[in-house]
Amino acid sequence: MSLESGLKNLTCNCSIDSFKRSVFPAAYLFLFSLGLLANSASLWVFLSMYRRKRKMTTVNLYMVNLLLSDLMLVCSLPLRAGYYLLDSHWPFGDLTCRLASFVFYINMYGSIYFLLALSVIRYLAVTRPYTFMSLEGGSYGWAGCLLIWIFVSLASAPLLSAGTTQDEEGRTRCLELGSKLSTIILLNRASLVVGFTLPFTVISVCYVCVLLSLRQCRAGVEGMRRPSRRKSCALVILGFGIFLICFLPYHVVRTLFLAAEQDTLKNGCEDTCSYLQDIRKAAVVTLCLAAGNSCLDPFLFFFVGEHFRDFCMKTRRGVTSKTERQRSHELQPI
């Protein structure tokens, strides 16, 4: 199911190994550094907020779960980078190979469904405020997060069967397409419908309803204040941005890529080698974009998280004031 497999030379020499060795390590190590810093800082803010208030809003609960999903992915990226830096050799063990693909798709579809949950919550907050208030603070948020984790884990479980293999040169291969192409195509069709198209449709409907509601009543629905309108608009912009940049190109290219690989198996690639190389390179680029969602989510935390931005601003002002007081004290004459 992985696009990294591009990828592997199945029936003729249309390899893009040099392209993968150039792009994957640089992209993965960059995303690891940025994602680890941004998500660790976000986690610190959420934990600090919880220690002060001893409660977690439903919105923040989903965002914390989204953050944990992102941290799982970014921590697996150095292993993926190492694989390509070692010329497509996997020295990290069979179990780690299985978990690398499993974690990647848990993050991707977990992110999609957590964004779906956030869009539904914002839709209720804007158009059904009394329903939203009745759900806030209960166990519905915890139950929703648990269901999402169970669903994406079970849906990604088939990837655990794809372990390491040995090639003719004695290298241990991982993250490759392998010989189960027909099974992977079936999984792709299911994930395309359930993992992308359906959530994206629901999210789009929720966002459109939110925007129409905000447009109809600028003063707010049921007295909704200006910050709530700002958060609603930020969620729409950032949510669509993440889908259009990270998830849409990946799912489109992955479908085209798998179709091209299947056609190559059946008919060879004497006349289509150039196209096959192009679609494999596109698969590499869009896979990196898909992994990049772990670096874009912290923007969502900052603009949409309940009290997240205010806490950051207050913390910054507090640190600045403390520094200024210390400097003032140091400059006092003796």
C-alpha atoms as a PDB file:
ATOM      1  CA  MET A   1       0.000   0.000   0.000  1.00  0.00           C
ATOM      2  CA  SER A   2       3.034   2.268   0.391  1.00  0.00           C
ATOM      3  CA  LEU A   3       3.949   4.636  -2.405  1.00  0.00           C
ATOM      4  CA  GLU A   4       7.598   4.485  -1.390  1.00  0.00           C
ATOM      5  CA  SER A   5       7.661   1.236  -3.195  1.00  0.00           C
ATOM      6  CA  GLY A   6       8.082   3.122  -6.618  1.00  0.00           C
ATOM      7  CA  LEU A   7       9.576   2.375  -6.724  1.00  0.00           C
ATOM      8  CA  LYS A   8      10.629  -1.242  -6.971  1.00  0.00           C
ATOM      9  CA  ASN A   9      11.601  -2.577 -10.400  1.00  0.00           C
ATOM     10  CA  LEU A  10       8.867  -5.127 -11.127  1.00  0.00           C
ATOM     11  CA  THR A  11       9.328  -6.169 -14.753  1.00  0.00           C
ATOM     12  CA  CYS A  12      11.790  -3.769 -16.430  1.00  0.00           C
ATOM     13  CA  ASN A  13      14.400  -1.165 -15.669  1.00  0.00           C
ATOM     14  CA  CYS A  14      12.412   1.999 -14.966  1.00  0.00           C
ATOM     15  CA  SER A  15      13.972   2.524 -11.575  1.00  0.00           C
ATOM     16  CA  ILE A  16      14.024   5.889  -9.773  1.00  0.00           C
ATOM     17  CA  ASP A  17      16.328   4.741  -6.952  1.00  0.00           C
ATOM     18  CA  SER A  18      18.613   7.786  -7.254  1.00  0.00           C
ATOM     19  CA  PHE A  19      15.594  10.103  -7.081  1.00  0.00           C
ATOM     20  CA  LYS A  20      14.347   8.376  -3.939  1.00  0.00           C
ATOM     21  CA  ARG A  21      17.784   8.562  -2.295  1.00  0.00           C
ATOM     22  CA  SER A  22      17.842  12.291  -2.989  1.00  0.00           C
ATOM     23  CA  VAL A  23      14.301  13.210  -1.941  1.00  0.00           C
ATOM     24  CA  PHE A  24      13.193  10.860   0.850  1.00  0.00           C
ATOM     25  CA  PRO A  25      16.068  11.337   3.362  1.00  0.00           C
ATOM     26  CA  ALA A  26      16.111  15.136   2.992  1.00  0.00           C
ATOM     27  CA  ALA A  27      12.326  15.429   3.277  1.00  0.00           C
ATOM     28  CA  TYR A  28      11.986  12.955   6.147  1.00  0.00           C
ATOM     29  CA  LEU A  29      14.780  14.461   8.248  1.00  0.00           C
ATOM     30  CA  PHE A  30      13.419  17.978   7.683  1.00  0.00           C
ATOM     31  CA  LEU A  31       9.901  16.888   8.669  1.00  0.00           C
ATOM     32  CA  PHE A  32      11.286  15.025  11.690  1.00  0.00           C
ATOM     33  CA  SER A  33      13.130  18.099  12.989  1.00  0.00           C
ATOM     34  CA  LEU A  34      10.265  20.516  12.375  1.00  0.00           C
ATOM     35  CA  GLY A  35       7.524  18.115  13.472  1.00  0.00           C
ATOM     36  CA  LEU A  36       9.279  17.052  16.669  1.00  0.00           C
ATOM     37  CA  LEU A  37       9.885  20.666  17.695  1.00  0.00           C
ATOM     38  CA  ALA A  38       6.388  21.925  16.833  1.00  0.00           C
ATOM     39  CA  ASN A  39       4.476  18.980  18.286  1.00  0.00           C
ATOM     40  CA  SER A  40       6.598  18.779  21.446  1.00  0.00           C
ATOM     41  CA  ALA A  41       5.985  22.488  22.075  1.00  0.00           C
ATOM     42  CA  SER A  42       2.254  21.973  21.461  1.00  0.00           C
ATOM     43  CA  LEU A  43       2.178  19.028  23.860  1.00  0.00           C
ATOM     44  CA  TRP A  44       3.894  21.137  26.530  1.00  0.00           C
ATOM     45  CA  VAL A  45       1.268  23.872  26.106  1.00  0.00           C
ATOM     46  CA  PHE A  46      -1.641  21.403  26.350  1.00  0.00           C
ATOM     47  CA  LEU A  47      -0.170  19.770  29.460  1.00  0.00           C
ATOM     48  CA  SER A  48       0.473  23.170  31.075  1.00  0.00           C
ATOM     49  CA  MET A  49      -3.100  24.232  30.360  1.00  0.00           C
ATOM     50  CA  TYR A  50      -4.418  21.008  31.856  1.00  0.00           C
ATOM     51  CA  ARG A  51      -2.322  21.391  35.011  1.00  0.00           C
ATOM     52  CA  ARG A  52      -3.720  24.884  35.536  1.00  0.00           C
ATOM     53  CA  LYS A  53      -7.389  24.183  34.821  1.00  0.00           C
ATOM     54  CA  ARG A  54      -7.635  20.437  35.570  1.00  0.00           C
ATOM     55  CA  LYS A  55     -10.042  19.941  32.688  1.00  0.00           C
ATOM     56  CA  MET A  56      -9.923  19.243  28.979  1.00  0.00           C
ATOM     57  CA  THR A  57     -12.452  20.631  26.523  1.00  0.00           C
ATOM     58  CA  THR A  58     -13.734  18.351  23.774  1.00  0.00           C
ATOM     59  CA  VAL A  59     -11.913  20.336  21.090  1.00  0.00           C
ATOM     60  CA  ASN A  60      -8.613  20.179  22.960  1.00  0.00           C
ATOM     61  CA  LEU A  61      -9.092  16.468  23.641  1.00  0.00           C
ATOM     62  CA  TYR A  62      -9.304  15.706  19.930  1.00  0.00           C
ATOM     63  CA  MET A  63      -6.346  17.961  19.268  1.00  0.00           C
ATOM     64  CA  VAL A  64      -4.205  16.207  21.878  1.00  0.00           C
ATOM     65  CA  ASN A  65      -4.995  12.886  20.207  1.00  0.00           C
ATOM     66  CA  LEU A  66      -4.115  14.406  16.831  1.00  0.00           C
ATOM     67  CA  LEU A  67      -0.856  15.628  18.346  1.00  0.00           C
ATOM     68  CA  LEU A  68       0.016  12.172  19.719  1.00  0.00           C
ATOM     69  CA  SER A  69      -0.675  10.681  16.297  1.00  0.00           C
ATOM     70  CA  ASP A  70       1.685  13.219  14.724  1.00  0.00           C
ATOM     71  CA  LEU A  71       4.424  12.461  17.249  1.00  0.00           C
ATOM     72  CA  MET A  72       4.153   8.750  16.432  1.00  0.00           C
ATOM     73  CA  LEU A  73       4.758   9.537  12.771  1.00  0.00           C
ATOM     74  CA  VAL A  74       7.647  11.983  13.181  1.00  0.00           C
ATOM     75  CA  CYS A  75       9.478   9.542  15.474  1.00  0.00           C
ATOM     76  CA  SER A  76       9.352   6.901  12.722  1.00  0.00           C
ATOM     77  CA  LEU A  77      10.725   9.209  10.007  1.00  0.00           C
ATOM     78  CA  PRO A  78      14.458   8.833  10.886  1.00  0.00           C
ATOM     79  CA  LEU A  79      14.150   5.083  10.297  1.00  0.00           C
ATOM     80  CA  ARG A  80      12.632   5.703   6.862  1.00  0.00           C
ATOM     81  CA  ALA A  81      15.365   8.225   6.062  1.00  0.00           C
ATOM     82  CA  GLY A  82      18.030   5.752   7.186  1.00  0.00           C
ATOM     83  CA  TYR A  83      16.621   3.081   4.890  1.00  0.00           C
ATOM     84  CA  TYR A  84      17.211   5.201   1.781  1.00  0.00           C
ATOM     85  CA  LEU A  85      20.537   6.579   3.005  1.00  0.00           C
ATOM     86  CA  LEU A  86      21.681   2.935   3.287  1.00  0.00           C
ATOM     87  CA  ASP A  87      20.759   2.334  -0.364  1.00  0.00           C
ATOM     88  CA  SER A  88      17.386   0.677   0.362  1.00  0.00           C
ATOM     89  CA  HIS A  89      18.715  -1.616   3.084  1.00  0.00           C
ATOM     90  CA  TRP A  90      16.716  -2.075   6.315  1.00  0.00           C
ATOM     91  CA  PRO A  91      18.910  -3.007   9.326  1.00  0.00           C
ATOM     92  CA  PHE A  92      16.296  -2.247  11.986  1.00  0.00           C
ATOM     93  CA  GLY A  93      14.531  -5.617  12.144  1.00  0.00           C
ATOM     94  CA  ASP A  94      11.392  -7.171  10.724  1.00  0.00           C
ATOM     95  CA  LEU A  95       9.024  -5.977  13.474  1.00  0.00           C
ATOM     96  CA  THR A  96      10.191  -2.376  13.094  1.00  0.00           C
ATOM     97  CA  CYS A  97       9.609  -2.622   9.335  1.00  0.00           C
ATOM     98  CA  ARG A  98       6.024  -3.734   9.873  1.00  0.00           C
ATOM     99  CA  LEU A  99       5.404  -0.981  12.429  1.00  0.00           C
ATOM    100  CA  ALA A 100       6.863   1.738  10.170  1.00  0.00           C
ATOM    101  CA  SER A 101       4.105   1.353   7.554  1.00  0.00           C
ATOM    102  CA  PHE A 102       1.455   0.692  10.217  1.00  0.00           C
ATOM    103  CA  VAL A 103       2.274   3.907  12.096  1.00  0.00           C
ATOM    104  CA  PHE A 104       2.332   5.960   8.893  1.00  0.00           C
ATOM    105  CA  TYR A 105      -1.202   5.007   7.900  1.00  0.00           C
ATOM    106  CA  ILE A 106      -2.536   5.242  11.450  1.00  0.00           C
ATOM    107  CA  ASN A 107      -1.304   8.828  11.461  1.00  0.00           C
ATOM    108  CA  MET A 108      -2.732   9.649   8.046  1.00  0.00           C
ATOM    109  CA  TYR A 109      -6.219   8.265   8.558  1.00  0.00           C
ATOM    110  CA  GLY A 110      -6.242   9.141  12.234  1.00  0.00           C
ATOM    111  CA  SER A 111      -5.537  12.759  11.239  1.00  0.00           C
ATOM    112  CA  ILE A 112      -8.328  12.654   8.672  1.00  0.00           C
ATOM    113  CA  TYR A 113     -10.877  11.358  11.171  1.00  0.00           C
ATOM    114  CA  PHE A 114      -9.765  13.684  13.962  1.00  0.00           C
ATOM    115  CA  LEU A 115     -10.197  16.578  11.498  1.00  0.00           C
ATOM    116  CA  LEU A 116     -13.618  15.140  10.702  1.00  0.00           C
ATOM    117  CA  ALA A 117     -14.524  15.136  14.396  1.00  0.00           C
ATOM    118  CA  LEU A 118     -13.296  18.714  14.821  1.00  0.00           C
ATOM    119  CA  SER A 119     -15.347  19.895  11.847  1.00  0.00           C
ATOM    120  CA  VAL A 120     -18.488  18.266  13.267  1.00  0.00           C
ATOM    121  CA  ILE A 121     -17.818  19.842  16.664  1.00  0.00           C
ATOM    122  CA  ARG A 122     -17.368  23.280  15.126  1.00  0.00           C
ATOM    123  CA  TYR A 123     -20.531  22.767  13.050  1.00  0.00           C
ATOM    124  CA  LEU A 124     -22.491  22.001  16.221  1.00  0.00           C
ATOM    125  CA  ALA A 125     -20.935  24.935  18.082  1.00  0.00           C
ATOM    126  CA  VAL A 126     -22.006  27.370  15.349  1.00  0.00           C
ATOM    127  CA  THR A 127     -25.367  25.994  14.219  1.00  0.00           C
ATOM    128  CA  ARG A 128     -26.512  23.853  17.192  1.00  0.00           C
ATOM    129  CA  PRO A 129     -25.015  25.564  20.276  1.00  0.00           C
ATOM    130  CA  TYR A 130     -27.348  23.878  22.776  1.00  0.00           C
ATOM    131  CA  THR A 131     -26.521  20.435  21.397  1.00  0.00           C
ATOM    132  CA  PHE A 132     -22.835  21.338  21.540  1.00  0.00           C
ATOM    133  CA  MET A 133     -23.093  22.472  25.162  1.00  0.00           C
ATOM    134  CA  SER A 134     -24.865  19.247  26.135  1.00  0.00           C
ATOM    135  CA  LEU A 135     -22.004  17.210  24.638  1.00  0.00           C
ATOM    136  CA  GLU A 136     -19.246  19.380  26.091  1.00  0.00           C
ATOM    137  CA  GLY A 137     -17.635  18.026  29.221  1.00  0.00           C
ATOM    138  CA  GLY A 138     -19.167  14.565  28.999  1.00  0.00           C
ATOM    139  CA  SER A 139     -17.654  11.245  28.011  1.00  0.00           C
ATOM    140  CA  TYR A 140     -18.589  11.637  24.347  1.00  0.00           C
ATOM    141  CA  GLY A 141     -15.208  13.115  23.449  1.00  0.00           C
ATOM    142  CA  TRP A 142     -13.279  10.245  25.061  1.00  0.00           C
ATOM    143  CA  ALA A 143     -15.536   7.692  23.391  1.00  0.00           C
ATOM    144  CA  GLY A 144     -15.095   9.360  19.999  1.00  0.00           C
ATOM    145  CA  CYS A 145     -11.301   9.382  20.307  1.00  0.00           C
ATOM    146  CA  LEU A 146     -11.254   5.720  21.346  1.00  0.00           C
ATOM    147  CA  LEU A 147     -13.466   4.722  18.407  1.00  0.00           C
ATOM    148  CA  ILE A 148     -11.217   6.579  15.960  1.00  0.00           C
ATOM    149  CA  TRP A 149      -8.087   4.859  17.304  1.00  0.00           C
ATOM    150  CA  ILE A 150      -9.723   1.442  17.148  1.00  0.00           C
ATOM    151  CA  PHE A 151     -11.069   2.020  13.632  1.00  0.00           C
ATOM    152  CA  VAL A 152      -7.831   3.267  12.059  1.00  0.00           C
ATOM    153  CA  SER A 153      -5.805   0.580  13.857  1.00  0.00           C
ATOM    154  CA  LEU A 154      -8.022  -2.229  12.561  1.00  0.00           C
ATOM    155  CA  ALA A 155      -8.128  -0.713   9.066  1.00  0.00           C
ATOM    156  CA  SER A 156      -4.325  -0.451   8.991  1.00  0.00           C
ATOM    157  CA  ALA A 157      -3.741  -3.904  10.500  1.00  0.00           C
ATOM    158  CA  PRO A 158      -3.186  -5.630   7.084  1.00  0.00           C
ATOM    159  CA  LEU A 159       0.014  -3.589   6.747  1.00  0.00           C
ATOM    160  CA  LEU A 160       1.486  -5.521   9.656  1.00  0.00           C
ATOM    161  CA  SER A 161       1.746  -8.533   7.355  1.00  0.00           C
ATOM    162  CA  ALA A 162       4.223  -6.737   5.071  1.00  0.00           C
ATOM    163  CA  GLY A 163       7.618  -7.403   6.655  1.00  0.00           C
ATOM    164  CA  THR A 164      11.165  -7.434   5.328  1.00  0.00           C
ATOM    165  CA  THR A 165      12.341  -9.372   2.260  1.00  0.00           C
ATOM    166  CA  GLN A 166      15.723 -10.237   0.802  1.00  0.00           C
ATOM    167  CA  ASP A 167      16.674  -9.158  -2.715  1.00  0.00           C
ATOM    168  CA  GLU A 168      19.144 -10.776  -5.108  1.00  0.00           C
ATOM    169  CA  GLU A 169      21.999  -8.637  -3.783  1.00  0.00           C
ATOM    170  CA  GLY A 170      21.412  -9.747  -0.192  1.00  0.00           C
ATOM    171  CA  ARG A 171      19.934  -6.456   1.003  1.00  0.00           C
ATOM    172  CA  THR A 172      17.039  -6.447   3.446  1.00  0.00           C
ATOM    173  CA  ARG A 173      14.187  -4.582   1.792  1.00  0.00           C
ATOM    174  CA  CYS A 174      11.301  -2.793   3.506  1.00  0.00           C
ATOM    175  CA  LEU A 175       8.643  -0.236   2.501  1.00  0.00           C
ATOM    176  CA  GLU A 176       8.410  -1.836  -0.938  1.00  0.00           C
ATOM    177  CA  LEU A 177       5.434  -2.731  -3.076  1.00  0.00           C
ATOM    178  CA  GLY A 178       6.251  -6.435  -3.078  1.00  0.00           C
ATOM    179  CA  SER A 179       4.234  -9.124  -4.820  1.00  0.00           C
ATOM    180  CA  LYS A 180       0.787  -8.482  -3.302  1.00  0.00           C
ATOM    181  CA  LEU A 181      -0.215  -5.829  -5.802  1.00  0.00           C
ATOM    182  CA  SER A 182      -3.810  -7.032  -6.277  1.00  0.00           C
ATOM    183  CA  THR A 183      -4.396  -7.033  -2.514  1.00  0.00           C
ATOM    184  CA  ILE A 184      -2.904  -3.563  -2.202  1.00  0.00           C
ATOM    185  CA  ILE A 185      -5.160  -2.252  -4.972  1.00  0.00           C
ATOM    186  CA  LEU A 186      -8.215  -3.572  -3.130  1.00  0.00           C
ATOM    187  CA  LEU A 187      -7.032  -1.925   0.090  1.00  0.00           C
ATOM    188  CA  ASN A 188      -6.454   1.304  -1.818  1.00  0.00           C
ATOM    189  CA  ARG A 189     -10.006   1.296  -3.168  1.00  0.00           C
ATOM    190  CA  ALA A 190     -11.428   0.774   0.308  1.00  0.00           C
ATOM    191  CA  SER A 191      -9.234   3.455   1.881  1.00  0.00           C
ATOM    192  CA  LEU A 192     -10.007   5.847  -0.983  1.00  0.00           C
ATOM    193  CA  VAL A 193     -13.727   5.626  -0.202  1.00  0.00           C
ATOM    194  CA  VAL A 194     -13.805   5.170   3.573  1.00  0.00           C
ATOM    195  CA  GLY A 195     -10.533   6.844   4.491  1.00  0.00           C
ATOM    196  CA  PHE A 196     -10.656   9.894   2.217  1.00  0.00           C
ATOM    197  CA  THR A 197     -13.758  10.510   0.061  1.00  0.00           C
ATOM    198  CA  LEU A 198     -16.378   9.974   2.781  1.00  0.00           C
ATOM    199  CA  PRO A 199     -14.615  12.052   5.480  1.00  0.00           C
ATOM    200  CA  PHE A 200     -13.778  14.795   2.984  1.00  0.00           C
ATOM    201  CA  THR A 201     -17.412  14.978   1.881  1.00  0.00           C
ATOM    202  CA  VAL A 202     -18.684  15.236   5.461  1.00  0.00           C
ATOM    203  CA  ILE A 203     -16.030  17.821   6.327  1.00  0.00           C
ATOM    204  CA  SER A 204     -16.892  19.886   3.244  1.00  0.00           C
ATOM    205  CA  VAL A 205     -20.601  19.865   4.106  1.00  0.00           C
ATOM    206  CA  CYS A 206     -19.867  20.911   7.695  1.00  0.00           C
ATOM    207  CA  TYR A 207     -17.561  23.722   6.560  1.00  0.00           C
ATOM    208  CA  VAL A 208     -20.076  25.020   4.013  1.00  0.00           C
ATOM    209  CA  CYS A 209     -22.828  25.030   6.655  1.00  0.00           C
ATOM    210  CA  VAL A 210     -20.539  26.865   9.085  1.00  0.00           C
ATOM    211  CA  LEU A 211     -19.638  29.523   6.522  1.00  0.00           C
ATOM    212  CA  LEU A 212     -23.275  30.003   5.481  1.00  0.00           C
ATOM    213  CA  SER A 213     -24.320  30.329   9.107  1.00  0.00           C
ATOM    214  CA  LEU A 214     -21.600  32.898   9.789  1.00  0.00           C
ATOM    215  CA  ARG A 215     -22.563  34.847   6.688  1.00  0.00           C
ATOM    216  CA  GLN A 216     -26.262  34.919   7.592  1.00  0.00           C
ATOM    217  CA  CYS A 217     -25.651  36.326  11.023  1.00  0.00           C
ATOM    218  CA  ARG A 218     -22.485  38.363  11.463  1.00  0.00           C
ATOM    219  CA  ALA A 219     -23.345  39.000  15.087  1.00  0.00           C
ATOM    220  CA  GLY A 220     -23.161  35.272  15.724  1.00  0.00           C
ATOM    221  CA  VAL A 221     -25.571  32.431  16.194  1.00  0.00           C
ATOM    222  CA  GLU A 222     -27.141  32.507  19.618  1.00  0.00           C
ATOM    223  CA  GLY A 223     -24.828  35.336  20.693  1.00  0.00           C
ATOM    224  CA  MET A 224     -21.643  33.684  19.453  1.00  0.00           C
ATOM    225  CA  ARG A 225     -18.715  35.988  20.099  1.00  0.00           C
ATOM    226  CA  ARG A 226     -16.121  37.198  17.608  1.00  0.00           C
ATOM    227  CA  PRO A 227     -13.351  34.767  18.730  1.00  0.00           C
ATOM    228  CA  SER A 228     -15.669  31.856  17.941  1.00  0.00           C
ATOM    229  CA  ARG A 229     -16.202  33.185  14.426  1.00  0.00           C
ATOM    230  CA  ARG A 230     -12.454  33.576  14.011  1.00  0.00           C
ATOM    231  CA  LYS A 231     -11.846  30.010  15.137  1.00  0.00           C
ATOM    232  CA  SER A 232     -14.535  28.736  12.805  1.00  0.00           C
ATOM    233  CA  CYS A 233     -13.001  30.504   9.806  1.00  0.00           C
ATOM    234  CA  ALA A 234      -9.507  29.354  10.816  1.00  0.00           C
ATOM    235  CA  LEU A 235     -10.687  25.748  11.026  1.00  0.00           C
ATOM    236  CA  VAL A 236     -12.245  25.961   7.569  1.00  0.00           C
ATOM    237  CA  ILE A 237      -9.126  27.467   5.979  1.00  0.00           C
ATOM    238  CA  LEU A 238      -6.601  25.229   7.735  1.00  0.00           C
ATOM    239  CA  GLY A 239      -8.712  22.086   7.397  1.00  0.00           C
ATOM    240  CA  PHE A 240      -9.173  22.533   3.667  1.00  0.00           C
ATOM    241  CA  GLY A 241      -5.516  23.497   3.335  1.00  0.00           C
ATOM    242  CA  ILE A 242      -4.314  20.288   4.987  1.00  0.00           C
ATOM    243  CA  PHE A 243      -6.602  18.190   2.791  1.00  0.00           C
ATOM    244  CA  LEU A 244      -5.655  19.974  -0.444  1.00  0.00           C
ATOM    245  CA  ILE A 245      -1.908  19.986   0.251  1.00  0.00           C
ATOM    246  CA  CYS A 246      -1.353  16.690   2.050  1.00  0.00           C
ATOM    247  CA  PHE A 247      -4.152  14.202   1.447  1.00  0.00           C
ATOM    248  CA  LEU A 248      -5.771  14.930  -1.924  1.00  0.00           C
ATOM    249  CA  PRO A 249      -2.592  14.752  -4.076  1.00  0.00           C
ATOM    250  CA  TYR A 250      -1.464  11.619  -2.271  1.00  0.00           C
ATOM    251  CA  HIS A 251      -4.681   9.675  -2.819  1.00  0.00           C
ATOM    252  CA  VAL A 252      -4.993  10.729  -6.463  1.00  0.00           C
ATOM    253  CA  VAL A 253      -1.388   9.870  -7.310  1.00  0.00           C
ATOM    254  CA  ARG A 254      -1.448   6.632  -5.328  1.00  0.00           C
ATOM    255  CA  THR A 255      -4.447   5.429  -7.344  1.00  0.00           C
ATOM    256  CA  LEU A 256      -2.756   6.323 -10.648  1.00  0.00           C
ATOM    257  CA  PHE A 257       0.507   4.807  -9.469  1.00  0.00           C
ATOM    258  CA  LEU A 258      -1.020   1.455  -8.533  1.00  0.00           C
ATOM    259  CA  ALA A 259      -2.907   1.328 -11.832  1.00  0.00           C
ATOM    260  CA  ALA A 260       0.357   1.977 -13.719  1.00  0.00           C
ATOM    261  CA  GLU A 261       2.179  -0.751 -11.773  1.00  0.00           C
ATOM    262  CA  GLN A 262      -0.638  -3.211 -12.475  1.00  0.00           C
ATOM    263  CA  ASP A 263      -0.544  -2.375 -16.176  1.00  0.00           C
ATOM    264  CA  THR A 264       3.230  -2.865 -16.150  1.00  0.00           C
ATOM    265  CA  LEU A 265       2.864  -6.330 -14.675  1.00  0.00           C
ATOM    266  CA  LYS A 266       0.405  -7.304 -17.400  1.00  0.00           C
ATOM    267  CA  ASN A 267       1.821  -5.632 -20.480  1.00  0.00           C
ATOM    268  CA  GLY A 268       5.398  -4.700 -19.666  1.00  0.00           C
ATOM    269  CA  CYS A 269       6.716  -1.169 -19.897  1.00  0.00           C
ATOM    270  CA  GLU A 270       8.609  -0.873 -23.162  1.00  0.00           C
ATOM    271  CA  ASP A 271       6.339   1.917 -24.359  1.00  0.00           C
ATOM    272  CA  THR A 272       5.431   3.411 -20.978  1.00  0.00           C
ATOM    273  CA  CYS A 273       8.747   3.594 -19.117  1.00  0.00           C
ATOM    274  CA  SER A 274       8.844   7.392 -19.205  1.00  0.00           C
ATOM    275  CA  TYR A 275       5.295   7.666 -17.813  1.00  0.00           C
ATOM    276  CA  LEU A 276       6.056   5.022 -15.180  1.00  0.00           C
ATOM    277  CA  GLN A 277       9.098   6.951 -13.983  1.00  0.00           C
ATOM    278  CA  ASP A 278       7.100  10.188 -13.855  1.00  0.00           C
ATOM    279  CA  ILE A 279       4.254   8.644 -11.840  1.00  0.00           C
ATOM    280  CA  ARG A 280       6.766   7.011  -9.476  1.00  0.00           C
ATOM    281  CA  LYS A 281       8.471  10.357  -8.896  1.00  0.00           C
ATOM    282  CA  ALA A 282       5.076  11.973  -8.311  1.00  0.00           C
ATOM    283  CA  ALA A 283       4.371   9.194  -5.810  1.00  0.00           C
ATOM    284  CA  VAL A 284       7.562  10.051  -3.915  1.00  0.00           C
ATOM    285  CA  VAL A 285       6.697  13.768  -3.763  1.00  0.00           C
ATOM    286  CA  THR A 286       3.075  13.265  -2.686  1.00  0.00           C
ATOM    287  CA  LEU A 287       4.119  10.760  -0.016  1.00  0.00           C
ATOM    288  CA  CYS A 288       6.388  13.430   1.465  1.00  0.00           C
ATOM    289  CA  LEU A 289       3.476  15.891   1.342  1.00  0.00           C
ATOM    290  CA  ALA A 290       1.269  13.369   3.133  1.00  0.00           C
ATOM    291  CA  ALA A 291       3.876  12.998   5.882  1.00  0.00           C
ATOM    292  CA  GLY A 292       3.986  16.791   6.102  1.00  0.00           C
ATOM    293  CA  ASN A 293       0.536  16.911   7.701  1.00  0.00           C
ATOM    294  CA  SER A 294       2.279  16.254  11.022  1.00  0.00           C
ATOM    295  CA  CYS A 295       3.981  19.662  10.687  1.00  0.00           C
ATOM    296  CA  LEU A 296       0.849  21.571   9.638  1.00  0.00           C
ATOM    297  CA  ASP A 297      -1.367  20.375  12.495  1.00  0.00           C
ATOM    298  CA  PRO A 298       0.351  22.631  15.115  1.00  0.00           C
ATOM    299  CA  PHE A 299      -1.025  25.635  13.158  1.00  0.00           C
ATOM    300  CA  LEU A 300      -4.458  24.134  13.755  1.00  0.00           C
ATOM    301  CA  PHE A 301      -3.709  23.872  17.488  1.00  0.00           C
ATOM    302  CA  PHE A 302      -2.645  27.522  17.657  1.00  0.00           C
ATOM    303  CA  PHE A 303      -5.584  29.044  15.782  1.00  0.00           C
ATOM    304  CA  VAL A 304      -8.411  26.657  16.714  1.00  0.00           C
ATOM    305  CA  GLY A 305      -7.502  25.070  20.069  1.00  0.00           C
ATOM    306  CA  GLU A 306      -9.596  26.236  22.998  1.00  0.00           C
ATOM    307  CA  HIS A 307      -7.520  28.825  24.952  1.00  0.00           C
ATOM    308  CA  PHE A 308      -4.335  27.547  23.227  1.00  0.00           C
ATOM    309  CA  ARG A 309      -3.427  30.854  21.595  1.00  0.00           C
ATOM    310  CA  ASP A 310      -4.329  32.912  24.664  1.00  0.00           C
ATOM    311  CA  PHE A 311      -2.171  30.668  26.854  1.00  0.00           C
ATOM    312  CA  CYS A 312       0.782  31.048  24.479  1.00  0.00           C
ATOM    313  CA  MET A 313       0.404  34.829  24.445  1.00  0.00           C
ATOM    314  CA  LYS A 314       0.115  35.061  28.247  1.00  0.00           C
ATOM    315  CA  THR A 315       3.122  32.789  28.710  1.00  0.00           C
ATOM    316  CA  ARG A 316       5.154  34.906  26.287  1.00  0.00           C
ATOM    317  CA  ARG A 317       4.140  38.145  28.026  1.00  0.00           C
ATOM    318  CA  GLY A 318       4.964  36.594  31.394  1.00  0.00           C
ATOM    319  CA  VAL A 319       8.424  35.543  30.270  1.00  0.00           C
ATOM    320  CA  THR A 320       9.039  38.974  28.692  1.00  0.00           C
ATOM    321  CA  SER A 321       7.924  40.790  31.863  1.00  0.00           C
ATOM    322  CA  LYS A 322      10.108  38.571  34.039  1.00  0.00           C
ATOM    323  CA  THR A 323      13.119  39.234  31.812  1.00  0.00           C
ATOM    324  CA  GLU A 324      12.502  42.987  31.885  1.00  0.00           C
ATOM    325  CA  ARG A 325      12.200  42.951  35.694  1.00  0.00           C
ATOM    326  CA  GLN A 326      15.459  41.054  35.976  1.00  0.00           C
ATOM    327  CA  ARG A 327      17.212  43.524  33.680  1.00  0.00           C
ATOM    328  CA  SER A 328      15.768  46.468  35.603  1.00  0.00           C
ATOM    329  CA  HIS A 329      16.975  44.980  38.881  1.00  0.00           C
ATOM    330  CA  GLU A 330      20.440  44.427  37.454  1.00  0.00           C
ATOM    331  CA  LEU A 331      20.650  48.084  36.338  1.00  0.00           C
ATOM    332  CA  GLN A 332      19.739  49.504  39.784  1.00  0.00           C
ATOM    333  CA  PRO A 333      22.604  51.567  41.263  1.00  0.00           C
ATOM    334  CA  ILE A 334      24.339  50.117  44.291  1.00  0.00           C
END
